[in-house]
């Protein structure tokens, strides 16, 4: 089993997943901040 061949795809998928998580966390944090109306 050659993992190095799949490495770019795995890294790309991981980066996309991390971006999604960061976006959700950012929205959650913004909505919890006082003085800001959630959209």
PDB file of N, CA and C in Angstrom:
ATOM      1  N   UNK A   1       0.849  -1.193   0.000  1.00  0.00           N
ATOM      2  CA  UNK A   1       0.000   0.000   0.000  1.00  0.00           C
ATOM      3  C   UNK A   1       0.887   1.247   0.000  1.00  0.00           C
ATOM      4  N   UNK A   2       0.698   2.088  -0.997  1.00  0.00           N
ATOM      5  CA  UNK A   2       1.547   3.268  -1.147  1.00  0.00           C
ATOM      6  C   UNK A   2       0.792   4.511  -0.678  1.00  0.00           C
ATOM      7  N   UNK A   3       1.131   4.978   0.503  1.00  0.00           N
ATOM      8  CA  UNK A   3       0.435   6.138   1.053  1.00  0.00           C
ATOM      9  C   UNK A   3       0.911   7.443   0.432  1.00  0.00           C
ATOM     10  N   UNK A   4       2.154   7.465  -0.048  1.00  0.00           N
ATOM     11  CA  UNK A   4       2.690   8.725  -0.576  1.00  0.00           C
ATOM     12  C   UNK A   4       1.920   9.181  -1.806  1.00  0.00           C
ATOM     13  N   UNK A   5       1.352   8.245  -2.566  1.00  0.00           N
ATOM     14  CA  UNK A   5       0.599   8.621  -3.759  1.00  0.00           C
ATOM     15  C   UNK A   5      -0.673   9.374  -3.386  1.00  0.00           C
ATOM     16  N   UNK A   6      -1.254   9.029  -2.252  1.00  0.00           N
ATOM     17  CA  UNK A   6      -2.502   9.664  -1.828  1.00  0.00           C
ATOM     18  C   UNK A   6      -2.278  10.900  -0.968  1.00  0.00           C
ATOM     19  N   UNK A   7      -1.025  11.171  -0.624  1.00  0.00           N
ATOM     20  CA  UNK A   7      -0.753  12.242   0.330  1.00  0.00           C
ATOM     21  C   UNK A   7      -1.317  13.605  -0.093  1.00  0.00           C
ATOM     22  N   UNK A   8      -1.108  14.061  -1.330  1.00  0.00           N
ATOM     23  CA  UNK A   8      -1.646  15.382  -1.702  1.00  0.00           C
ATOM     24  C   UNK A   8      -3.163  15.448  -1.549  1.00  0.00           C
ATOM     25  N   UNK A   9      -3.853  14.389  -1.942  1.00  0.00           N
ATOM     26  CA  UNK A   9      -5.317  14.383  -1.837  1.00  0.00           C
ATOM     27  C   UNK A   9      -5.746  14.421  -0.378  1.00  0.00           C
ATOM     28  N   UNK A  10      -5.077  13.633   0.454  1.00  0.00           N
ATOM     29  CA  UNK A  10      -5.412  13.594   1.878  1.00  0.00           C
ATOM     30  C   UNK A  10      -5.159  14.959   2.515  1.00  0.00           C
ATOM     31  N   UNK A  11      -4.034  15.572   2.173  1.00  0.00           N
ATOM     32  CA  UNK A  11      -3.710  16.885   2.736  1.00  0.00           C
ATOM     33  C   UNK A  11      -4.717  17.932   2.278  1.00  0.00           C
ATOM     34  N   UNK A  12      -5.119  17.838   1.002  1.00  0.00           N
ATOM     35  CA  UNK A  12      -6.077  18.807   0.470  1.00  0.00           C
ATOM     36  C   UNK A  12      -7.431  18.643   1.165  1.00  0.00           C
ATOM     37  N   UNK A  13      -7.878  17.396   1.320  1.00  0.00           N
ATOM     38  CA  UNK A  13      -9.150  17.156   2.001  1.00  0.00           C
ATOM     39  C   UNK A  13      -9.074  17.608   3.455  1.00  0.00           C
ATOM     40  N   UNK A  14      -7.921  17.377   4.088  1.00  0.00           N
ATOM     41  CA  UNK A  14      -7.747  17.805   5.471  1.00  0.00           C
ATOM     42  C   UNK A  14      -7.795  19.320   5.591  1.00  0.00           C
ATOM     43  N   UNK A  15      -7.201  20.005   4.621  1.00  0.00           N
ATOM     44  CA  UNK A  15      -7.197  21.463   4.648  1.00  0.00           C
ATOM     45  C   UNK A  15      -8.610  22.004   4.463  1.00  0.00           C
ATOM     46  N   UNK A  16      -9.377  21.370   3.578  1.00  0.00           N
ATOM     47  CA  UNK A  16     -10.762  21.797   3.357  1.00  0.00           C
ATOM     48  C   UNK A  16     -11.579  21.582   4.626  1.00  0.00           C
ATOM     49  N   UNK A  17     -11.390  20.427   5.259  1.00  0.00           N
ATOM     50  CA  UNK A  17     -12.124  20.136   6.494  1.00  0.00           C
ATOM     51  C   UNK A  17     -11.743  21.132   7.584  1.00  0.00           C
ATOM     52  N   UNK A  18     -10.464  21.456   7.690  1.00  0.00           N
ATOM     53  CA  UNK A  18     -10.004  22.407   8.702  1.00  0.00           C
ATOM     54  C   UNK A  18     -10.599  23.790   8.444  1.00  0.00           C
ATOM     55  N   UNK A  19     -10.694  24.179   7.179  1.00  0.00           N
ATOM     56  CA  UNK A  19     -11.272  25.475   6.840  1.00  0.00           C
ATOM     57  C   UNK A  19     -12.747  25.515   7.220  1.00  0.00           C
ATOM     58  N   UNK A  20     -13.456  24.405   6.962  1.00  0.00           N
ATOM     59  CA  UNK A  20     -14.871  24.338   7.330  1.00  0.00           C
ATOM     60  C   UNK A  20     -15.037  24.472   8.838  1.00  0.00           C
ATOM     61  N   UNK A  21     -14.203  23.758   9.583  1.00  0.00           N
ATOM     62  CA  UNK A  21     -14.278  23.807  11.046  1.00  0.00           C
ATOM     63  C   UNK A  21     -13.973  25.216  11.546  1.00  0.00           C
ATOM     64  N   UNK A  22     -12.945  25.839  10.986  1.00  0.00           N
ATOM     65  CA  UNK A  22     -12.570  27.186  11.405  1.00  0.00           C
ATOM     66  C   UNK A  22     -13.696  28.174  11.117  1.00  0.00           C
ATOM     67  N   UNK A  23     -14.368  27.995   9.977  1.00  0.00           N
ATOM     68  CA  UNK A  23     -15.467  28.896   9.620  1.00  0.00           C
ATOM     69  C   UNK A  23     -16.616  28.753  10.617  1.00  0.00           C
ATOM     70  N   UNK A  24     -16.959  27.507  10.946  1.00  0.00           N
ATOM     71  CA  UNK A  24     -18.038  27.268  11.907  1.00  0.00           C
ATOM     72  C   UNK A  24     -17.674  27.848  13.270  1.00  0.00           C
ATOM     73  N   UNK A  25     -16.427  27.627  13.696  1.00  0.00           N
ATOM     74  CA  UNK A  25     -15.993  28.160  14.990  1.00  0.00           C
ATOM     75  C   UNK A  25     -16.025  29.686  14.983  1.00  0.00           C
ATOM     76  N   UNK A  26     -15.597  30.273  13.888  1.00  0.00           N
ATOM     77  CA  UNK A  26     -15.595  31.728  13.793  1.00  0.00           C
ATOM     78  C   UNK A  26     -16.998  32.297  13.885  1.00  0.00           C
ATOM     79  N   UNK A  27     -17.951  31.672  13.202  1.00  0.00           N
ATOM     80  CA  UNK A  27     -19.339  32.130  13.257  1.00  0.00           C
ATOM     81  C   UNK A  27     -19.881  31.969  14.668  1.00  0.00           C
ATOM     82  N   UNK A  28     -19.565  30.848  15.298  1.00  0.00           N
ATOM     83  CA  UNK A  28     -20.041  30.599  16.664  1.00  0.00           C
ATOM     84  C   UNK A  28     -19.478  31.633  17.625  1.00  0.00           C
ATOM     85  N   UNK A  29     -18.184  31.899  17.517  1.00  0.00           N
ATOM     86  CA  UNK A  29     -17.543  32.873  18.406  1.00  0.00           C
ATOM     87  C   UNK A  29     -18.140  34.265  18.180  1.00  0.00           C
ATOM     88  N   UNK A  30     -18.332  34.637  16.922  1.00  0.00           N
ATOM     89  CA  UNK A  30     -18.897  35.952  16.626  1.00  0.00           C
ATOM     90  C   UNK A  30     -20.305  36.081  17.199  1.00  0.00           C
ATOM     91  N   UNK A  31     -21.086  35.010  17.113  1.00  0.00           N
ATOM     92  CA  UNK A  31     -22.466  35.066  17.593  1.00  0.00           C
ATOM     93  C   UNK A  31     -22.522  35.152  19.115  1.00  0.00           C
ATOM     94  N   UNK A  32     -21.448  34.704  19.782  1.00  0.00           N
ATOM     95  CA  UNK A  32     -21.423  34.746  21.245  1.00  0.00           C
ATOM     96  C   UNK A  32     -20.916  36.078  21.780  1.00  0.00           C
ATOM     97  N   UNK A  33     -20.282  36.869  20.919  1.00  0.00           N
ATOM     98  CA  UNK A  33     -19.742  38.144  21.380  1.00  0.00           C
ATOM     99  C   UNK A  33     -20.880  39.098  21.738  1.00  0.00           C
ATOM    100  N   UNK A  34     -20.767  39.801  22.860  1.00  0.00           N
ATOM    101  CA  UNK A  34     -21.814  40.746  23.255  1.00  0.00           C
ATOM    102  C   UNK A  34     -21.845  41.951  22.321  1.00  0.00           C
ATOM    103  N   UNK A  35     -23.030  42.496  22.130  1.00  0.00           N
ATOM    104  CA  UNK A  35     -23.171  43.699  21.331  1.00  0.00           C
ATOM    105  C   UNK A  35     -23.220  43.445  19.841  1.00  0.00           C
ATOM    106  N   UNK A  36     -23.309  42.190  19.456  1.00  0.00           N
ATOM    107  CA  UNK A  36     -23.388  41.892  18.025  1.00  0.00           C
ATOM    108  C   UNK A  36     -24.639  41.063  17.774  1.00  0.00           C
ATOM    109  N   UNK A  37     -25.417  41.477  16.783  1.00  0.00           N
ATOM    110  CA  UNK A  37     -26.645  40.751  16.473  1.00  0.00           C
ATOM    111  C   UNK A  37     -26.327  39.659  15.466  1.00  0.00           C
ATOM    112  N   UNK A  38     -26.616  38.407  15.792  1.00  0.00           N
ATOM    113  CA  UNK A  38     -26.362  37.319  14.828  1.00  0.00           C
ATOM    114  C   UNK A  38     -27.232  37.480  13.591  1.00  0.00           C
ATOM    115  N   UNK A  39     -26.665  37.168  12.438  1.00  0.00           N
ATOM    116  CA  UNK A  39     -27.417  37.309  11.189  1.00  0.00           C
ATOM    117  C   UNK A  39     -28.337  36.121  10.984  1.00  0.00           C
TER     118      UNK A  39
END
